[in-house]
Amino acid sequence: MKKIFEDVFKRAAAVVLSVVMVAGFAGCDAFGVRKSMGVMHGRLTEFNKALNELDYETARDQTDWTEADNDYTAIEEVFDTSYYGDTAGEGFVSCAEYIASTINIKFDVTAVRLESNRATLDVKYEMVDWQQVYQQPHDSFDEVLEDLKNCQDKTSVDAFVVFENVDGENDWRLCRITELGEVMRFVYTLPEISG
């Protein structure tokens, strides 16, 4: 009987502790968790807007990247429409800009995993299903763009981002962005143009 009572007591204590932790996380803000989540939400929202506009400077402002980060300086190319526009032409740039404008990063900031001055968050990038459109033969980039605009189907990429609290004062910045190369693959992929 004593064993049963102890088990019941432990379960009840665990439930109470869980409720207290959730209440503290959501309401009391004793350790600035809600403020941190707000900062992370803002950074990711601004990063999403930067992707939509292919605006590298704004995207980079949401990060703690420096010129020394070789892994990330290469990403600048995917934002540089002149880089791929010079070889593929303005019609291709228009298609890439439209696809970028459809990117929507879905996330639940309350699911962030905090560890000291780092935080990890699962995200899902959704955008127009450009691959489906690109696989169909077209006579011109104008046709491709029209089909992209008429396409109702979406494609998605699962990824995660890591934030770093760079100064210890809730200045959470993106320090790692996984699968961005996969998300932005449309800037390196030409549609099938028959003409």
Protein backbone atom coordinates (compact mmCIF):
# COMPACT_ATOMS: atom_id res chain seq x y z
CA MET A 1 0.00 0.00 0.00
CA LYS A 2 2.86 2.32 0.85
CA LYS A 3 4.43 1.67 -2.60
CA ILE A 4 1.15 2.54 -4.37
CA PHE A 5 0.87 5.75 -2.33
CA GLU A 6 4.46 6.72 -3.20
CA ASP A 7 3.85 6.10 -6.94
CA VAL A 8 0.67 8.17 -6.88
CA PHE A 9 2.45 10.95 -4.97
CA LYS A 10 5.37 10.96 -7.46
CA ARG A 11 3.01 11.15 -10.45
CA ALA A 12 1.00 13.95 -8.83
CA ALA A 13 4.20 15.84 -8.03
CA ALA A 14 5.41 15.42 -11.63
CA VAL A 15 2.12 16.77 -12.98
CA VAL A 16 2.24 19.76 -10.61
CA LEU A 17 5.86 20.44 -11.56
CA SER A 18 5.00 20.27 -15.27
CA VAL A 19 2.11 22.69 -14.80
CA VAL A 20 4.33 25.08 -12.82
CA MET A 21 7.06 24.93 -15.51
CA VAL A 22 4.58 25.57 -18.34
CA ALA A 23 2.92 28.39 -16.38
CA GLY A 24 6.31 29.92 -15.65
CA PHE A 25 7.38 29.60 -19.27
CA ALA A 26 4.18 31.14 -20.60
CA GLY A 27 3.34 33.71 -17.97
CA CYS A 28 5.81 34.79 -15.33
CA ASP A 29 8.71 35.65 -17.65
CA ALA A 30 11.07 35.41 -14.66
CA PHE A 31 14.09 34.66 -16.85
CA GLY A 32 13.17 36.70 -19.91
CA VAL A 33 12.03 33.63 -21.87
CA ARG A 34 9.07 35.40 -23.44
CA LYS A 35 11.26 38.34 -24.47
CA SER A 36 13.80 35.94 -25.99
CA MET A 37 11.06 34.16 -27.92
CA GLY A 38 9.83 37.52 -29.22
CA VAL A 39 13.31 38.47 -30.41
CA MET A 40 13.75 35.10 -32.15
CA HIS A 41 10.31 35.42 -33.77
CA GLY A 42 11.24 38.88 -35.05
CA ARG A 43 14.61 37.74 -36.42
CA LEU A 44 13.06 34.82 -38.28
CA THR A 45 10.22 36.97 -39.63
CA GLU A 46 12.69 39.55 -40.93
CA PHE A 47 14.83 36.78 -42.41
CA ASN A 48 11.74 35.46 -44.22
CA LYS A 49 11.04 38.92 -45.68
CA ALA A 50 14.65 39.15 -46.81
CA LEU A 51 14.32 35.82 -48.62
CA ASN A 52 11.12 37.05 -50.28
CA GLU A 53 12.95 40.11 -51.60
CA LEU A 54 16.32 38.40 -52.21
CA ASP A 55 17.78 41.03 -49.89
CA TYR A 56 21.11 39.69 -48.65
CA GLU A 57 21.96 42.68 -46.46
CA THR A 58 18.73 42.41 -44.46
CA ALA A 59 19.12 38.63 -44.23
CA ARG A 60 22.65 39.03 -42.95
CA ASP A 61 21.55 41.66 -40.40
CA GLN A 62 19.49 38.93 -38.70
CA THR A 63 22.59 36.80 -38.20
CA ASP A 64 25.89 36.94 -36.35
CA TRP A 65 27.79 36.05 -39.53
CA THR A 66 31.07 37.79 -40.22
CA GLU A 67 33.26 38.04 -43.30
CA ALA A 68 35.33 35.20 -41.82
CA ASP A 69 32.40 32.75 -42.07
CA ASN A 70 33.31 31.06 -45.35
CA ASP A 71 30.34 28.72 -45.17
CA TYR A 72 27.98 31.66 -45.21
CA THR A 73 29.68 34.17 -47.50
CA ALA A 74 29.02 31.71 -50.34
CA ILE A 75 25.28 32.05 -49.66
CA GLU A 76 25.50 35.65 -50.87
CA GLU A 77 25.46 34.30 -54.45
CA VAL A 78 21.91 32.99 -54.14
CA PHE A 79 20.70 36.50 -53.31
CA ASP A 80 22.67 38.13 -56.13
CA THR A 81 20.36 38.21 -59.16
CA SER A 82 23.12 39.65 -61.35
CA TYR A 83 25.25 36.58 -60.59
CA TYR A 84 22.85 34.18 -62.28
CA GLY A 85 20.99 36.77 -64.37
CA ASP A 86 24.05 37.56 -66.45
CA THR A 87 24.16 34.01 -67.79
CA ALA A 88 20.48 33.03 -67.80
CA GLY A 89 18.87 36.39 -68.62
CA GLU A 90 16.27 38.70 -67.13
CA GLY A 91 13.42 36.28 -67.81
CA PHE A 92 15.04 33.76 -65.51
CA VAL A 93 15.62 36.45 -62.86
CA SER A 94 11.90 37.30 -62.95
CA CYS A 95 11.06 33.63 -62.32
CA ALA A 96 13.57 33.38 -59.46
CA GLU A 97 12.26 36.59 -57.89
CA TYR A 98 8.69 35.31 -58.07
CA ILE A 99 9.59 31.95 -56.49
CA ALA A 100 11.49 33.74 -53.71
CA SER A 101 8.45 35.93 -53.04
CA THR A 102 6.39 32.81 -52.25
CA ILE A 103 8.73 31.45 -49.54
CA ASN A 104 7.00 31.18 -46.19
CA ILE A 105 8.92 29.97 -43.14
CA LYS A 106 6.56 28.13 -40.80
CA PHE A 107 7.58 27.70 -37.17
CA ASP A 108 6.27 27.55 -33.64
CA VAL A 109 8.60 29.69 -31.54
CA THR A 110 7.19 28.19 -28.32
CA ALA A 111 8.82 24.90 -29.39
CA VAL A 112 12.31 26.42 -29.27
CA ARG A 113 14.91 24.35 -27.43
CA LEU A 114 17.02 26.59 -25.19
CA GLU A 115 20.51 25.59 -24.11
CA SER A 116 22.51 28.31 -22.38
CA ASN A 117 23.20 31.01 -24.99
CA ARG A 118 21.95 28.89 -27.92
CA ALA A 119 18.47 27.98 -29.08
CA THR A 120 17.32 25.55 -31.77
CA LEU A 121 14.02 25.76 -33.62
CA ASP A 122 12.51 23.45 -36.24
CA VAL A 123 11.20 25.25 -39.32
CA LYS A 124 9.48 24.36 -42.56
CA TYR A 125 10.04 26.38 -45.74
CA GLU A 126 7.01 26.37 -48.04
CA MET A 127 6.91 27.85 -51.53
CA VAL A 128 5.31 27.44 -54.93
CA ASP A 129 6.09 24.03 -56.45
CA TRP A 130 8.56 25.48 -58.92
CA GLN A 131 10.06 22.07 -59.80
CA GLN A 132 6.73 20.86 -61.14
CA VAL A 133 6.48 23.97 -63.34
CA TYR A 134 10.10 23.84 -64.47
CA GLN A 135 9.73 20.22 -65.66
CA GLN A 136 7.02 21.18 -68.15
CA PRO A 137 8.19 22.37 -71.59
CA HIS A 138 7.67 26.09 -72.24
CA ASP A 139 8.30 28.38 -75.17
CA SER A 140 9.62 31.28 -73.10
CA PHE A 141 10.42 32.50 -69.61
CA ASP A 142 7.24 34.58 -69.77
CA GLU A 143 5.25 31.34 -70.04
CA VAL A 144 7.20 29.85 -67.14
CA LEU A 145 6.46 32.91 -65.00
CA GLU A 146 2.77 32.78 -65.87
CA ASP A 147 2.59 29.09 -64.94
CA LEU A 148 4.42 29.78 -61.67
CA LYS A 149 1.86 32.45 -60.80
CA ASN A 150 -1.00 30.09 -61.65
CA CYS A 151 0.46 27.12 -59.77
CA GLN A 152 -1.56 26.30 -56.64
CA ASP A 153 0.73 23.47 -55.48
CA LYS A 154 3.34 23.98 -52.78
CA THR A 155 6.61 22.27 -52.02
CA SER A 156 8.33 22.27 -48.66
CA VAL A 157 11.71 21.71 -47.05
CA ASP A 158 12.09 20.69 -43.40
CA ALA A 159 15.02 22.29 -41.60
CA PHE A 160 16.09 23.89 -38.36
CA VAL A 161 17.74 27.13 -37.35
CA VAL A 162 20.04 27.89 -34.44
CA PHE A 163 20.06 31.23 -32.63
CA GLU A 164 22.90 32.56 -30.53
CA ASN A 165 22.52 35.16 -27.80
CA VAL A 166 25.44 37.28 -28.91
CA ASP A 167 25.71 39.72 -26.01
CA GLY A 168 23.75 38.06 -23.23
CA GLU A 169 21.06 40.75 -23.41
CA ASN A 170 18.43 38.90 -25.46
CA ASP A 171 20.12 39.82 -28.74
CA TRP A 172 19.34 36.47 -30.35
CA ARG A 173 20.75 36.19 -33.87
CA LEU A 174 20.69 33.40 -36.40
CA CYS A 175 24.01 31.58 -36.38
CA ARG A 176 23.11 28.42 -38.31
CA ILE A 177 20.51 27.92 -41.02
CA THR A 178 20.20 24.39 -42.36
CA GLU A 179 18.94 23.43 -45.81
CA LEU A 180 19.06 27.00 -47.16
CA GLY A 181 20.91 25.74 -50.24
CA GLU A 182 18.08 23.28 -50.89
CA VAL A 183 15.45 25.98 -50.40
CA MET A 184 17.21 28.34 -52.82
CA ARG A 185 18.03 25.69 -55.42
CA PHE A 186 15.72 27.42 -57.91
CA VAL A 187 18.41 30.04 -58.60
CA TYR A 188 20.64 27.31 -60.07
CA THR A 189 17.96 25.34 -61.93
CA LEU A 190 16.83 26.29 -65.43
CA PRO A 191 13.30 25.54 -66.62
CA GLU A 192 12.78 23.58 -69.82
CA ILE A 193 12.52 26.12 -72.62
CA SER A 194 11.90 24.56 -76.02
CA GLY A 195 12.09 27.70 -78.15
